[in-house]
Amino acid sequence: MPKLPDQQIGDIEVFVHDGKIHLFHLTLPAHQHVGHWVSEDALHWRQLP
């Protein structure tokens, strides 16, 4: 995953749905962004809107 500029990742949730790994995270300190990433192998990730 690319590093978010001037922000830290916090509150990470990971789960599997339909054979794909989904990762959701909030940015710190103000939780102003929710990130969503998906992977089929936990090595190659793509960001979703």
C-alpha atoms as a PDB file:
ATOM      1  CA  MET A   1       0.000   0.000   0.000  1.00  0.00           C
ATOM      2  CA  PRO A   2       1.242   3.495  -0.694  1.00  0.00           C
ATOM      3  CA  LYS A   3       2.001   5.741   2.262  1.00  0.00           C
ATOM      4  CA  LEU A   4      -0.559   8.427   2.916  1.00  0.00           C
ATOM      5  CA  PRO A   5       1.094  11.844   3.061  1.00  0.00           C
ATOM      6  CA  ASP A   6       1.285  13.384   6.538  1.00  0.00           C
ATOM      7  CA  GLN A   7      -1.191  10.851   7.914  1.00  0.00           C
ATOM      8  CA  GLN A   8      -1.015   7.628   9.868  1.00  0.00           C
ATOM      9  CA  ILE A   9      -3.199   4.577   9.380  1.00  0.00           C
ATOM     10  CA  GLY A  10      -5.323   3.485  12.312  1.00  0.00           C
ATOM     11  CA  ASP A  11      -8.387   1.382  13.122  1.00  0.00           C
ATOM     12  CA  ILE A  12      -7.696  -1.400  10.606  1.00  0.00           C
ATOM     13  CA  GLU A  13     -10.332  -4.046   9.842  1.00  0.00           C
ATOM     14  CA  VAL A  14      -9.604  -7.052   7.600  1.00  0.00           C
ATOM     15  CA  PHE A  15     -12.068  -9.685   6.440  1.00  0.00           C
ATOM     16  CA  VAL A  16     -12.579 -12.198   3.639  1.00  0.00           C
ATOM     17  CA  HIS A  17     -15.617 -11.956   1.360  1.00  0.00           C
ATOM     18  CA  ASP A  18     -16.204 -14.061  -1.768  1.00  0.00           C
ATOM     19  CA  GLY A  19     -12.602 -15.303  -1.673  1.00  0.00           C
ATOM     20  CA  LYS A  20     -11.064 -11.807  -1.590  1.00  0.00           C
ATOM     21  CA  ILE A  21      -9.347 -10.103   1.324  1.00  0.00           C
ATOM     22  CA  HIS A  22     -10.715  -6.660   2.134  1.00  0.00           C
ATOM     23  CA  LEU A  23      -8.884  -4.134   4.294  1.00  0.00           C
ATOM     24  CA  PHE A  24     -10.554  -0.993   5.587  1.00  0.00           C
ATOM     25  CA  HIS A  25      -8.743   1.685   7.567  1.00  0.00           C
ATOM     26  CA  LEU A  26      -9.244   5.163   8.983  1.00  0.00           C
ATOM     27  CA  THR A  27      -6.549   7.818   8.994  1.00  0.00           C
ATOM     28  CA  LEU A  28      -5.328   9.422  12.186  1.00  0.00           C
ATOM     29  CA  PRO A  29      -5.691  11.698  14.003  1.00  0.00           C
ATOM     30  CA  ALA A  30      -9.132  12.872  12.860  1.00  0.00           C
ATOM     31  CA  HIS A  31     -10.448   9.816  10.925  1.00  0.00           C
ATOM     32  CA  GLN A  32     -11.076  12.089   7.925  1.00  0.00           C
ATOM     33  CA  HIS A  33     -10.458   9.348   5.319  1.00  0.00           C
ATOM     34  CA  VAL A  34     -11.672   5.761   5.010  1.00  0.00           C
ATOM     35  CA  GLY A  35      -9.457   3.588   2.831  1.00  0.00           C
ATOM     36  CA  HIS A  36     -10.580   0.353   1.168  1.00  0.00           C
ATOM     37  CA  TRP A  37      -8.115  -2.099  -0.358  1.00  0.00           C
ATOM     38  CA  VAL A  38      -8.700  -5.570  -1.826  1.00  0.00           C
ATOM     39  CA  SER A  39      -6.404  -8.513  -2.581  1.00  0.00           C
ATOM     40  CA  GLU A  40      -6.717 -12.095  -3.741  1.00  0.00           C
ATOM     41  CA  ASP A  41      -3.341 -13.237  -2.369  1.00  0.00           C
ATOM     42  CA  ALA A  42      -2.428 -10.754   0.434  1.00  0.00           C
ATOM     43  CA  LEU A  43       0.658  -9.732  -1.587  1.00  0.00           C
ATOM     44  CA  HIS A  44      -0.853  -7.607  -4.357  1.00  0.00           C
ATOM     45  CA  TRP A  45      -3.347  -4.961  -3.275  1.00  0.00           C
ATOM     46  CA  ARG A  46      -5.481  -2.504  -5.195  1.00  0.00           C
ATOM     47  CA  GLN A  47      -7.226   0.503  -3.773  1.00  0.00           C
ATOM     48  CA  LEU A  48     -10.970   0.836  -4.164  1.00  0.00           C
ATOM     49  CA  PRO A  49     -12.968   4.052  -3.960  1.00  0.00           C
END
